[in-house]
Amino acid sequence: MPSRTLAAVWVVAVALLPLVLPDPYVLRVAAMTCIFAAFAASWDLLAGYAGQVNFGHALFFGAGAYSSALLSLRAGFPPWIAVCTGALLATVIGLWVGYLCLRLRGSYLSLATLAFPLILIGVLFAFPDFSGGELGVTGLPSLATSRIGNYYIAATAMLAVVFGIWAFADSRFGLVLHAIRDDELAARASGIDTTRYKLAVFGISAAAAGFSGALYAHFMRGAGPSTLETALSFQVVIWGVFGGLATIYGPVTAVFVLYPLTEWLGSFSAFGELRLLIFAVVVLLVLLFMPRGLTPWVRDRIETRCPRCKQQNPAWREVCRVCGVPLQSAARR
């Protein structure tokens, strides 16, 4: 399948990048892109598949970053144990937030989740001797001794998180999440325990986001209020909408397009003041001409869905590879 071929090419490119472009700056941008790609995939599972649109997703990212940083610096945890513990604490926070927001839907849920990162920032600022206050904490040990090692850790973690979330989304669990997103009352009437599934997806999404945040803290060798800012929460929403909701690979593609683009534009002094404007124009153009997002638009042009068995086929095939139904007439209809 063309889409699977593109995914395989992307995985190979991620694996071979240090061999082709060993420049430290390129590896730094690529590692950050991998970390944010895993973060974006975690948001898409929660908002795209389950319909629980979270405007405060930075809470889980920041919780993982701060937990890992404080455990490493204050308690002397080894880096990997601190990372895993930070992801676990983010999972607990995700379950707690999910439990508090169970009765909320739509814009009420989004506005409620927006408040939680602000609350955590206030708590951290209330204990500056412990949390570092507005300056955050610095001096964390790195997970690897070289740039290439740090990149491969970020890339491997990203691939594991993205394909793990994709497996969840492509299973029966993902079908139930679709049902809850489309009509929660109908899903509940069908015997689905929507409370359990919503709590589960909050926990899984928070675990992936917290793990990404913990990796970010050790990669940057510090954690600060920027990991909890509202701007980061809205940034992941932009990635999700730009790439295509309920796809997992859509937000990941958006991060790999938009984050290096903004970094590249920032390297030019002429674009220093216009970088955000150019970024906004690119996003608006994609949303204007590709309302469902970038990746669904591309997939619709390289693949055709069979009207009978619903299997995807390459766009150049005239009959379905599974059931033999003519495809070109269906595509024209």
C-alpha atoms as a PDB file:
ATOM      1  CA  MET A   1       0.000   0.000   0.000  1.00  0.00           C
ATOM      2  CA  PRO A   2       1.287   3.510  -0.788  1.00  0.00           C
ATOM      3  CA  SER A   3       0.589   4.790   2.732  1.00  0.00           C
ATOM      4  CA  ARG A   4       2.442   1.855   4.292  1.00  0.00           C
ATOM      5  CA  THR A   5       5.328   2.441   1.899  1.00  0.00           C
ATOM      6  CA  LEU A   6       5.480   6.087   3.001  1.00  0.00           C
ATOM      7  CA  ALA A   7       5.455   4.997   6.652  1.00  0.00           C
ATOM      8  CA  ALA A   8       8.311   2.562   5.999  1.00  0.00           C
ATOM      9  CA  VAL A   9      10.318   5.253   4.194  1.00  0.00           C
ATOM     10  CA  TRP A  10       9.758   7.601   7.134  1.00  0.00           C
ATOM     11  CA  VAL A  11      11.004   5.005   9.641  1.00  0.00           C
ATOM     12  CA  VAL A  12      14.121   4.355   7.526  1.00  0.00           C
ATOM     13  CA  ALA A  13      14.761   8.101   7.208  1.00  0.00           C
ATOM     14  CA  VAL A  14      14.475   8.541  10.978  1.00  0.00           C
ATOM     15  CA  ALA A  15      16.939   5.692  11.516  1.00  0.00           C
ATOM     16  CA  LEU A  16      19.496   6.881   8.947  1.00  0.00           C
ATOM     17  CA  LEU A  17      19.374  10.624   9.622  1.00  0.00           C
ATOM     18  CA  PRO A  18      22.525  10.767  11.837  1.00  0.00           C
ATOM     19  CA  LEU A  19      24.475   8.970   9.127  1.00  0.00           C
ATOM     20  CA  VAL A  20      23.385  11.430   6.434  1.00  0.00           C
ATOM     21  CA  LEU A  21      23.290  14.666   8.471  1.00  0.00           C
ATOM     22  CA  PRO A  22      25.518  14.352  11.544  1.00  0.00           C
ATOM     23  CA  ASP A  23      25.418  18.106  12.221  1.00  0.00           C
ATOM     24  CA  PRO A  24      24.732  18.702  15.972  1.00  0.00           C
ATOM     25  CA  TYR A  25      22.108  21.384  15.298  1.00  0.00           C
ATOM     26  CA  VAL A  26      20.208  19.133  12.894  1.00  0.00           C
ATOM     27  CA  LEU A  27      20.287  16.279  15.403  1.00  0.00           C
ATOM     28  CA  ARG A  28      19.020  18.581  18.139  1.00  0.00           C
ATOM     29  CA  VAL A  29      16.073  19.754  16.016  1.00  0.00           C
ATOM     30  CA  ALA A  30      15.358  16.172  14.933  1.00  0.00           C
ATOM     31  CA  ALA A  31      15.399  14.885  18.525  1.00  0.00           C
ATOM     32  CA  MET A  32      13.019  17.649  19.631  1.00  0.00           C
ATOM     33  CA  THR A  33      10.790  16.811  16.676  1.00  0.00           C
ATOM     34  CA  CYS A  34      10.649  13.168  17.764  1.00  0.00           C
ATOM     35  CA  ILE A  35       9.758  14.117  21.340  1.00  0.00           C
ATOM     36  CA  PHE A  36       6.980  16.458  20.257  1.00  0.00           C
ATOM     37  CA  ALA A  37       5.710  13.896  17.724  1.00  0.00           C
ATOM     38  CA  ALA A  38       5.080  11.403  20.530  1.00  0.00           C
ATOM     39  CA  PHE A  39       3.393  14.177  22.508  1.00  0.00           C
ATOM     40  CA  ALA A  40       1.126  15.015  19.558  1.00  0.00           C
ATOM     41  CA  ALA A  41       0.186  11.356  19.057  1.00  0.00           C
ATOM     42  CA  SER A  42      -0.881  11.119  22.708  1.00  0.00           C
ATOM     43  CA  TRP A  43      -3.212  14.102  22.253  1.00  0.00           C
ATOM     44  CA  ASP A  44      -4.756  12.625  19.116  1.00  0.00           C
ATOM     45  CA  LEU A  45      -5.666   9.406  20.927  1.00  0.00           C
ATOM     46  CA  LEU A  46      -7.516  11.394  23.585  1.00  0.00           C
ATOM     47  CA  ALA A  47      -9.094  14.115  21.443  1.00  0.00           C
ATOM     48  CA  GLY A  48      -9.272  12.609  17.970  1.00  0.00           C
ATOM     49  CA  TYR A  49     -10.377   9.081  18.822  1.00  0.00           C
ATOM     50  CA  ALA A  50     -12.236   9.526  22.105  1.00  0.00           C
ATOM     51  CA  GLY A  51     -13.527  13.046  21.462  1.00  0.00           C
ATOM     52  CA  GLN A  52     -12.193  14.304  24.822  1.00  0.00           C
ATOM     53  CA  VAL A  53     -10.734  17.552  23.474  1.00  0.00           C
ATOM     54  CA  ASN A  54      -8.089  18.567  25.984  1.00  0.00           C
ATOM     55  CA  PHE A  55      -6.926  22.188  25.946  1.00  0.00           C
ATOM     56  CA  GLY A  56      -4.583  21.532  28.864  1.00  0.00           C
ATOM     57  CA  HIS A  57      -2.592  18.602  27.522  1.00  0.00           C
ATOM     58  CA  ALA A  58       0.634  20.319  28.554  1.00  0.00           C
ATOM     59  CA  LEU A  59      -0.316  19.308  32.117  1.00  0.00           C
ATOM     60  CA  PHE A  60       0.800  15.730  31.449  1.00  0.00           C
ATOM     61  CA  PHE A  61       3.892  16.797  29.511  1.00  0.00           C
ATOM     62  CA  GLY A  62       4.954  19.205  32.247  1.00  0.00           C
ATOM     63  CA  ALA A  63       4.103  16.752  35.021  1.00  0.00           C
ATOM     64  CA  GLY A  64       6.387  14.156  33.444  1.00  0.00           C
ATOM     65  CA  ALA A  65       9.150  16.721  32.910  1.00  0.00           C
ATOM     66  CA  TYR A  66       9.029  18.163  36.423  1.00  0.00           C
ATOM     67  CA  SER A  67       8.603  14.765  38.124  1.00  0.00           C
ATOM     68  CA  SER A  68      11.570  13.278  36.311  1.00  0.00           C
ATOM     69  CA  ALA A  69      13.709  16.369  36.925  1.00  0.00           C
ATOM     70  CA  LEU A  70      12.915  16.654  40.636  1.00  0.00           C
ATOM     71  CA  LEU A  71      13.324  12.932  41.267  1.00  0.00           C
ATOM     72  CA  SER A  72      16.676  12.991  39.507  1.00  0.00           C
ATOM     73  CA  LEU A  73      17.993  16.104  41.263  1.00  0.00           C
ATOM     74  CA  ARG A  74      16.363  15.970  44.694  1.00  0.00           C
ATOM     75  CA  ALA A  75      16.066  12.207  45.262  1.00  0.00           C
ATOM     76  CA  GLY A  76      19.079  11.029  43.266  1.00  0.00           C
ATOM     77  CA  PHE A  77      17.132   8.677  40.981  1.00  0.00           C
ATOM     78  CA  PRO A  78      19.031   7.288  37.980  1.00  0.00           C
ATOM     79  CA  PRO A  79      17.886   9.006  34.760  1.00  0.00           C
ATOM     80  CA  TRP A  80      15.914   6.108  33.271  1.00  0.00           C
ATOM     81  CA  ILE A  81      14.186   5.296  36.545  1.00  0.00           C
ATOM     82  CA  ALA A  82      13.321   8.994  36.913  1.00  0.00           C
ATOM     83  CA  VAL A  83      11.897   9.035  33.359  1.00  0.00           C
ATOM     84  CA  CYS A  84       9.716   5.968  33.958  1.00  0.00           C
ATOM     85  CA  THR A  85       8.587   7.257  37.346  1.00  0.00           C
ATOM     86  CA  GLY A  86       7.730  10.626  35.811  1.00  0.00           C
ATOM     87  CA  ALA A  87       5.578   8.876  33.194  1.00  0.00           C
ATOM     88  CA  LEU A  88       3.885   6.884  35.963  1.00  0.00           C
ATOM     89  CA  LEU A  89       3.104  10.027  37.964  1.00  0.00           C
ATOM     90  CA  ALA A  90       1.732  11.682  34.816  1.00  0.00           C
ATOM     91  CA  THR A  91      -0.509   8.631  34.358  1.00  0.00           C
ATOM     92  CA  VAL A  92      -1.856   9.032  37.887  1.00  0.00           C
ATOM     93  CA  ILE A  93      -2.552  12.715  37.208  1.00  0.00           C
ATOM     94  CA  GLY A  94      -4.264  11.770  33.941  1.00  0.00           C
ATOM     95  CA  LEU A  95      -6.567   9.315  35.724  1.00  0.00           C
ATOM     96  CA  TRP A  96      -7.332  11.946  38.346  1.00  0.00           C
ATOM     97  CA  VAL A  97      -8.146  14.592  35.718  1.00  0.00           C
ATOM     98  CA  GLY A  98     -10.244  12.084  33.792  1.00  0.00           C
ATOM     99  CA  TYR A  99     -12.191  11.192  36.919  1.00  0.00           C
ATOM    100  CA  LEU A 100     -12.889  14.864  37.703  1.00  0.00           C
ATOM    101  CA  CYS A 101     -14.009  15.593  34.135  1.00  0.00           C
ATOM    102  CA  LEU A 102     -16.167  12.506  33.572  1.00  0.00           C
ATOM    103  CA  ARG A 103     -19.445  14.410  33.623  1.00  0.00           C
ATOM    104  CA  LEU A 104     -18.249  17.156  31.282  1.00  0.00           C
ATOM    105  CA  ARG A 105     -18.528  17.146  27.508  1.00  0.00           C
ATOM    106  CA  GLY A 106     -17.651  19.399  24.612  1.00  0.00           C
ATOM    107  CA  SER A 107     -16.504  22.927  25.366  1.00  0.00           C
ATOM    108  CA  TYR A 108     -17.079  22.442  29.102  1.00  0.00           C
ATOM    109  CA  LEU A 109     -14.514  19.632  29.158  1.00  0.00           C
ATOM    110  CA  SER A 110     -12.024  21.672  27.128  1.00  0.00           C
ATOM    111  CA  LEU A 111     -12.313  24.704  29.391  1.00  0.00           C
ATOM    112  CA  ALA A 112     -12.024  22.577  32.533  1.00  0.00           C
ATOM    113  CA  THR A 113      -8.840  20.858  31.324  1.00  0.00           C
ATOM    114  CA  LEU A 114      -7.381  24.254  30.436  1.00  0.00           C
ATOM    115  CA  ALA A 115      -7.332  25.177  34.132  1.00  0.00           C
ATOM    116  CA  PHE A 116      -5.240  22.250  35.402  1.00  0.00           C
ATOM    117  CA  PRO A 117      -1.819  23.328  34.006  1.00  0.00           C
ATOM    118  CA  LEU A 118      -2.381  26.789  35.481  1.00  0.00           C
ATOM    119  CA  ILE A 119      -3.113  25.228  38.869  1.00  0.00           C
ATOM    120  CA  LEU A 120       0.065  23.150  38.731  1.00  0.00           C
ATOM    121  CA  ILE A 121       2.125  26.208  37.766  1.00  0.00           C
ATOM    122  CA  GLY A 122       0.692  28.019  40.778  1.00  0.00           C
ATOM    123  CA  VAL A 123       1.606  25.125  43.058  1.00  0.00           C
ATOM    124  CA  LEU A 124       5.170  25.023  41.717  1.00  0.00           C
ATOM    125  CA  PHE A 125       5.566  28.776  42.124  1.00  0.00           C
ATOM    126  CA  ALA A 126       4.353  28.491  45.725  1.00  0.00           C
ATOM    127  CA  PHE A 127       7.412  26.360  46.603  1.00  0.00           C
ATOM    128  CA  PRO A 128      10.299  28.003  44.725  1.00  0.00           C
ATOM    129  CA  ASP A 129      12.991  26.446  46.938  1.00  0.00           C
ATOM    130  CA  PHE A 130      11.885  23.002  45.841  1.00  0.00           C
ATOM    131  CA  SER A 131      10.652  23.544  42.280  1.00  0.00           C
ATOM    132  CA  GLY A 132      12.942  26.389  41.210  1.00  0.00           C
ATOM    133  CA  GLY A 133      10.046  28.807  40.813  1.00  0.00           C
ATOM    134  CA  GLU A 134       9.983  30.785  37.573  1.00  0.00           C
ATOM    135  CA  LEU A 135      13.482  29.617  36.635  1.00  0.00           C
ATOM    136  CA  GLY A 136      12.680  25.920  36.916  1.00  0.00           C
ATOM    137  CA  VAL A 137      15.339  23.314  37.623  1.00  0.00           C
ATOM    138  CA  THR A 138      18.540  22.691  35.688  1.00  0.00           C
ATOM    139  CA  GLY A 139      21.555  20.404  35.770  1.00  0.00           C
ATOM    140  CA  LEU A 140      19.831  17.118  34.943  1.00  0.00           C
ATOM    141  CA  PRO A 141      22.020  14.251  33.762  1.00  0.00           C
ATOM    142  CA  SER A 142      21.679  13.416  30.092  1.00  0.00           C
ATOM    143  CA  LEU A 143      20.405  10.011  28.990  1.00  0.00           C
ATOM    144  CA  ALA A 144      23.350   9.542  26.611  1.00  0.00           C
ATOM    145  CA  THR A 145      26.875  10.912  26.334  1.00  0.00           C
ATOM    146  CA  SER A 146      26.648  12.041  22.707  1.00  0.00           C
ATOM    147  CA  ARG A 147      24.290  13.934  20.417  1.00  0.00           C
ATOM    148  CA  ILE A 148      23.785  10.862  18.250  1.00  0.00           C
ATOM    149  CA  GLY A 149      22.995   8.746  21.306  1.00  0.00           C
ATOM    150  CA  ASN A 150      20.433  11.283  22.534  1.00  0.00           C
ATOM    151  CA  TYR A 151      18.872  11.417  19.085  1.00  0.00           C
ATOM    152  CA  TYR A 152      18.516   7.647  18.825  1.00  0.00           C
ATOM    153  CA  ILE A 153      16.956   7.499  22.297  1.00  0.00           C
ATOM    154  CA  ALA A 154      14.391  10.138  21.295  1.00  0.00           C
ATOM    155  CA  ALA A 155      13.736   8.482  17.929  1.00  0.00           C
ATOM    156  CA  THR A 156      13.363   4.980  19.389  1.00  0.00           C
ATOM    157  CA  ALA A 157      11.067   6.235  22.136  1.00  0.00           C
ATOM    158  CA  MET A 158       8.988   8.140  19.597  1.00  0.00           C
ATOM    159  CA  LEU A 159       8.589   5.119  17.321  1.00  0.00           C
ATOM    160  CA  ALA A 160       7.632   2.912  20.267  1.00  0.00           C
ATOM    161  CA  VAL A 161       5.056   5.424  21.553  1.00  0.00           C
ATOM    162  CA  VAL A 162       3.573   6.217  18.138  1.00  0.00           C
ATOM    163  CA  PHE A 163       3.229   2.621  16.976  1.00  0.00           C
ATOM    164  CA  GLY A 164       1.991   1.573  20.420  1.00  0.00           C
ATOM    165  CA  ILE A 165      -0.729   4.229  20.350  1.00  0.00           C
ATOM    166  CA  TRP A 166      -1.513   3.301  16.756  1.00  0.00           C
ATOM    167  CA  ALA A 167      -1.996  -0.337  17.835  1.00  0.00           C
ATOM    168  CA  PHE A 168      -4.394   0.804  20.563  1.00  0.00           C
ATOM    169  CA  ALA A 169      -6.315   2.955  18.094  1.00  0.00           C
ATOM    170  CA  ASP A 170      -6.529   0.169  15.504  1.00  0.00           C
ATOM    171  CA  SER A 171      -7.866  -2.397  17.978  1.00  0.00           C
ATOM    172  CA  ARG A 172     -11.309  -2.971  19.476  1.00  0.00           C
ATOM    173  CA  PHE A 173     -10.352  -0.351  22.045  1.00  0.00           C
ATOM    174  CA  GLY A 174     -10.121   2.229  19.251  1.00  0.00           C
ATOM    175  CA  LEU A 175     -13.515   1.219  17.830  1.00  0.00           C
ATOM    176  CA  VAL A 176     -15.097   1.750  21.236  1.00  0.00           C
ATOM    177  CA  LEU A 177     -13.449   5.165  21.473  1.00  0.00           C
ATOM    178  CA  HIS A 178     -14.936   6.053  18.081  1.00  0.00           C
ATOM    179  CA  ALA A 179     -18.366   5.038  19.361  1.00  0.00           C
ATOM    180  CA  ILE A 180     -17.967   7.160  22.490  1.00  0.00           C
ATOM    181  CA  ARG A 181     -16.857  10.150  20.406  1.00  0.00           C
ATOM    182  CA  ASP A 182     -19.734   9.877  17.918  1.00  0.00           C
ATOM    183  CA  ASP A 183     -22.566   9.194  20.391  1.00  0.00           C
ATOM    184  CA  GLU A 184     -21.756   8.464  24.009  1.00  0.00           C
ATOM    185  CA  LEU A 185     -25.400   7.884  24.972  1.00  0.00           C
ATOM    186  CA  ALA A 186     -25.820   5.281  22.230  1.00  0.00           C
ATOM    187  CA  ALA A 187     -22.574   3.597  23.274  1.00  0.00           C
ATOM    188  CA  ARG A 188     -23.752   3.457  26.871  1.00  0.00           C
ATOM    189  CA  ALA A 189     -27.122   2.057  25.777  1.00  0.00           C
ATOM    190  CA  SER A 190     -25.237  -0.676  23.886  1.00  0.00           C
ATOM    191  CA  GLY A 191     -23.679  -1.862  27.138  1.00  0.00           C
ATOM    192  CA  ILE A 192     -20.301  -0.112  26.865  1.00  0.00           C
ATOM    193  CA  ASP A 193     -18.870   1.095  30.154  1.00  0.00           C
ATOM    194  CA  THR A 194     -17.970   4.543  28.839  1.00  0.00           C
ATOM    195  CA  THR A 195     -16.594   5.648  32.218  1.00  0.00           C
ATOM    196  CA  ARG A 196     -13.991   2.913  32.234  1.00  0.00           C
ATOM    197  CA  TYR A 197     -12.930   3.581  28.644  1.00  0.00           C
ATOM    198  CA  LYS A 198     -12.683   7.344  29.171  1.00  0.00           C
ATOM    199  CA  LEU A 199     -10.557   6.838  32.268  1.00  0.00           C
ATOM    200  CA  ALA A 200      -8.374   4.375  30.370  1.00  0.00           C
ATOM    201  CA  VAL A 201      -7.785   6.717  27.446  1.00  0.00           C
ATOM    202  CA  PHE A 202      -6.967   9.586  29.814  1.00  0.00           C
ATOM    203  CA  GLY A 203      -4.409   7.342  31.533  1.00  0.00           C
ATOM    204  CA  ILE A 204      -2.831   6.051  28.302  1.00  0.00           C
ATOM    205  CA  SER A 205      -2.644   9.521  26.782  1.00  0.00           C
ATOM    206  CA  ALA A 206      -1.172  10.982  29.977  1.00  0.00           C
ATOM    207  CA  ALA A 207       1.414   8.190  30.183  1.00  0.00           C
ATOM    208  CA  ALA A 208       2.641   8.849  26.628  1.00  0.00           C
ATOM    209  CA  ALA A 209       2.670  12.621  27.143  1.00  0.00           C
ATOM    210  CA  GLY A 210       4.418  12.289  30.519  1.00  0.00           C
ATOM    211  CA  PHE A 211       7.045   9.987  29.024  1.00  0.00           C
ATOM    212  CA  SER A 212       7.652  12.554  26.269  1.00  0.00           C
ATOM    213  CA  GLY A 213       7.944  15.322  28.854  1.00  0.00           C
ATOM    214  CA  ALA A 214      10.423  13.316  30.931  1.00  0.00           C
ATOM    215  CA  LEU A 215      12.581  12.698  27.843  1.00  0.00           C
ATOM    216  CA  TYR A 216      12.373  16.398  27.029  1.00  0.00           C
ATOM    217  CA  ALA A 217      13.587  17.349  30.516  1.00  0.00           C
ATOM    218  CA  HIS A 218      16.652  15.098  30.293  1.00  0.00           C
ATOM    219  CA  PHE A 219      17.357  16.112  26.712  1.00  0.00           C
ATOM    220  CA  MET A 220      17.227  19.813  27.632  1.00  0.00           C
ATOM    221  CA  ARG A 221      18.832  19.028  31.006  1.00  0.00           C
ATOM    222  CA  GLY A 222      16.167  21.021  32.801  1.00  0.00           C
ATOM    223  CA  ALA A 223      12.461  21.622  33.288  1.00  0.00           C
ATOM    224  CA  GLY A 224      10.664  24.940  33.611  1.00  0.00           C
ATOM    225  CA  PRO A 225       7.240  26.569  33.432  1.00  0.00           C
ATOM    226  CA  SER A 226       7.399  26.482  29.621  1.00  0.00           C
ATOM    227  CA  THR A 227       6.536  22.763  29.785  1.00  0.00           C
ATOM    228  CA  LEU A 228       3.173  23.695  31.327  1.00  0.00           C
ATOM    229  CA  GLU A 229       2.346  26.825  29.351  1.00  0.00           C
ATOM    230  CA  THR A 230      -0.975  27.266  27.592  1.00  0.00           C
ATOM    231  CA  ALA A 231       0.937  27.927  24.365  1.00  0.00           C
ATOM    232  CA  LEU A 232       2.217  24.334  24.368  1.00  0.00           C
ATOM    233  CA  SER A 233      -1.298  22.996  24.912  1.00  0.00           C
ATOM    234  CA  PHE A 234      -2.597  24.961  21.930  1.00  0.00           C
ATOM    235  CA  GLN A 235       0.450  24.025  19.880  1.00  0.00           C
ATOM    236  CA  VAL A 236      -0.437  20.347  20.117  1.00  0.00           C
ATOM    237  CA  VAL A 237      -4.020  21.191  19.080  1.00  0.00           C
ATOM    238  CA  ILE A 238      -2.641  22.925  15.971  1.00  0.00           C
ATOM    239  CA  TRP A 239      -0.507  19.888  15.156  1.00  0.00           C
ATOM    240  CA  GLY A 240      -3.517  17.607  15.512  1.00  0.00           C
ATOM    241  CA  VAL A 241      -5.834  19.679  13.325  1.00  0.00           C
ATOM    242  CA  PHE A 242      -3.126  20.391  10.741  1.00  0.00           C
ATOM    243  CA  GLY A 243      -2.170  16.733  10.333  1.00  0.00           C
ATOM    244  CA  GLY A 244      -5.645  15.228  10.598  1.00  0.00           C
ATOM    245  CA  LEU A 245      -7.615  14.116  13.639  1.00  0.00           C
ATOM    246  CA  ALA A 246      -8.143  10.467  14.585  1.00  0.00           C
ATOM    247  CA  THR A 247      -5.232   9.227  12.480  1.00  0.00           C
ATOM    248  CA  ILE A 248      -2.258   9.188  14.904  1.00  0.00           C
ATOM    249  CA  TYR A 249       0.107   9.540  11.949  1.00  0.00           C
ATOM    250  CA  GLY A 250      -1.472  12.894  11.060  1.00  0.00           C
ATOM    251  CA  PRO A 251      -0.276  14.883  14.096  1.00  0.00           C
ATOM    252  CA  VAL A 252       3.101  13.118  13.861  1.00  0.00           C
ATOM    253  CA  THR A 253       3.434  14.250  10.248  1.00  0.00           C
ATOM    254  CA  ALA A 254       2.394  17.767  11.258  1.00  0.00           C
ATOM    255  CA  VAL A 255       5.172  17.943  13.855  1.00  0.00           C
ATOM    256  CA  PHE A 256       7.752  16.709  11.338  1.00  0.00           C
ATOM    257  CA  VAL A 257       6.606  19.413   8.909  1.00  0.00           C
ATOM    258  CA  LEU A 258       5.926  22.395  11.174  1.00  0.00           C
ATOM    259  CA  TYR A 259       8.545  22.161  13.918  1.00  0.00           C
ATOM    260  CA  PRO A 260      11.607  21.968  11.602  1.00  0.00           C
ATOM    261  CA  LEU A 261       9.981  24.653   9.431  1.00  0.00           C
ATOM    262  CA  THR A 262       9.733  27.112  12.321  1.00  0.00           C
ATOM    263  CA  GLU A 263      13.281  26.317  13.433  1.00  0.00           C
ATOM    264  CA  TRP A 264      14.566  26.769   9.887  1.00  0.00           C
ATOM    265  CA  LEU A 265      12.774  30.098   9.512  1.00  0.00           C
ATOM    266  CA  GLY A 266      14.207  31.194  12.856  1.00  0.00           C
ATOM    267  CA  SER A 267      17.737  30.720  11.509  1.00  0.00           C
ATOM    268  CA  PHE A 268      17.193  33.623   9.082  1.00  0.00           C
ATOM    269  CA  SER A 269      17.396  37.085  10.594  1.00  0.00           C
ATOM    270  CA  ALA A 270      15.016  38.402   7.914  1.00  0.00           C
ATOM    271  CA  PHE A 271      12.283  36.052   9.155  1.00  0.00           C
ATOM    272  CA  GLY A 272      12.890  36.693  12.844  1.00  0.00           C
ATOM    273  CA  GLU A 273       9.788  38.855  13.298  1.00  0.00           C
ATOM    274  CA  LEU A 274       7.725  37.125  10.613  1.00  0.00           C
ATOM    275  CA  ARG A 275       8.284  33.507  11.654  1.00  0.00           C
ATOM    276  CA  LEU A 276       4.996  33.139  13.524  1.00  0.00           C
ATOM    277  CA  LEU A 277       3.116  34.934  10.744  1.00  0.00           C
ATOM    278  CA  ILE A 278       4.498  32.540   8.113  1.00  0.00           C
ATOM    279  CA  PHE A 279       3.672  29.611  10.380  1.00  0.00           C
ATOM    280  CA  ALA A 280       0.083  30.855  10.751  1.00  0.00           C
ATOM    281  CA  VAL A 281      -0.294  31.381   6.985  1.00  0.00           C
ATOM    282  CA  VAL A 282       0.886  27.814   6.268  1.00  0.00           C
ATOM    283  CA  VAL A 283      -1.566  26.390   8.798  1.00  0.00           C
ATOM    284  CA  LEU A 284      -4.462  28.475   7.463  1.00  0.00           C
ATOM    285  CA  LEU A 285      -3.745  27.488   3.851  1.00  0.00           C
ATOM    286  CA  VAL A 286      -3.755  23.803   4.756  1.00  0.00           C
ATOM    287  CA  LEU A 287      -6.985  24.129   6.715  1.00  0.00           C
ATOM    288  CA  LEU A 288      -8.572  26.123   3.882  1.00  0.00           C
ATOM    289  CA  PHE A 289      -7.774  23.679   1.093  1.00  0.00           C
ATOM    290  CA  MET A 290      -7.538  20.490   3.183  1.00  0.00           C
ATOM    291  CA  PRO A 291     -10.313  20.749   5.803  1.00  0.00           C
ATOM    292  CA  ARG A 292      -9.745  17.216   7.136  1.00  0.00           C
ATOM    293  CA  GLY A 293      -6.014  17.797   7.519  1.00  0.00           C
ATOM    294  CA  LEU A 294      -2.866  17.201   5.501  1.00  0.00           C
ATOM    295  CA  THR A 295      -2.514  13.418   5.733  1.00  0.00           C
ATOM    296  CA  PRO A 296      -6.162  12.493   4.920  1.00  0.00           C
ATOM    297  CA  TRP A 297      -5.922  14.749   1.859  1.00  0.00           C
ATOM    298  CA  VAL A 298      -2.746  13.006   0.700  1.00  0.00           C
ATOM    299  CA  ARG A 299      -4.135   9.551   1.424  1.00  0.00           C
ATOM    300  CA  ASP A 300      -7.297  10.239  -0.571  1.00  0.00           C
ATOM    301  CA  ARG A 301      -5.116  10.948  -3.595  1.00  0.00           C
ATOM    302  CA  ILE A 302      -2.897   7.900  -3.406  1.00  0.00           C
ATOM    303  CA  GLU A 303      -5.479   5.344  -2.225  1.00  0.00           C
ATOM    304  CA  THR A 304      -9.074   4.425  -2.994  1.00  0.00           C
ATOM    305  CA  ARG A 305     -11.487   2.817  -0.569  1.00  0.00           C
ATOM    306  CA  CYS A 306     -13.462  -0.172  -1.839  1.00  0.00           C
ATOM    307  CA  PRO A 307     -17.227   0.477  -1.668  1.00  0.00           C
ATOM    308  CA  ARG A 308     -17.937  -3.151  -0.732  1.00  0.00           C
ATOM    309  CA  CYS A 309     -15.237  -4.424   1.665  1.00  0.00           C
ATOM    310  CA  LYS A 310     -13.976  -0.959   2.756  1.00  0.00           C
ATOM    311  CA  GLN A 311     -10.338  -1.952   2.172  1.00  0.00           C
ATOM    312  CA  GLN A 312      -7.824   0.629   0.960  1.00  0.00           C
ATOM    313  CA  ASN A 313      -6.347   0.130  -2.511  1.00  0.00           C
ATOM    314  CA  PRO A 314      -3.689   2.002  -4.487  1.00  0.00           C
ATOM    315  CA  ALA A 315      -5.297   4.770  -6.523  1.00  0.00           C
ATOM    316  CA  TRP A 316      -4.066   3.284  -9.815  1.00  0.00           C
ATOM    317  CA  ARG A 317      -5.851  -0.057  -9.325  1.00  0.00           C
ATOM    318  CA  GLU A 318      -9.046  -0.590 -11.308  1.00  0.00           C
ATOM    319  CA  VAL A 319     -10.436  -3.423  -9.152  1.00  0.00           C
ATOM    320  CA  CYS A 320     -10.251  -4.098  -5.420  1.00  0.00           C
ATOM    321  CA  ARG A 321      -7.317  -6.281  -4.392  1.00  0.00           C
ATOM    322  CA  VAL A 322      -9.572  -8.131  -1.907  1.00  0.00           C
ATOM    323  CA  CYS A 323     -13.055  -8.579  -3.406  1.00  0.00           C
ATOM    324  CA  GLY A 324     -12.567  -7.624  -7.077  1.00  0.00           C
ATOM    325  CA  VAL A 325     -15.152  -4.821  -7.188  1.00  0.00           C
ATOM    326  CA  PRO A 326     -14.413  -2.102  -9.806  1.00  0.00           C
ATOM    327  CA  LEU A 327     -12.829   0.930  -8.118  1.00  0.00           C
ATOM    328  CA  GLN A 328     -12.542   3.592 -10.785  1.00  0.00           C
ATOM    329  CA  SER A 329     -16.305   3.985 -11.173  1.00  0.00           C
ATOM    330  CA  ALA A 330     -16.667   4.156  -7.418  1.00  0.00           C
ATOM    331  CA  ALA A 331     -13.974   6.830  -7.223  1.00  0.00           C
ATOM    332  CA  ARG A 332     -15.750   8.897  -9.911  1.00  0.00           C
ATOM    333  CA  ARG A 333     -19.067   8.603  -8.041  1.00  0.00           C
END
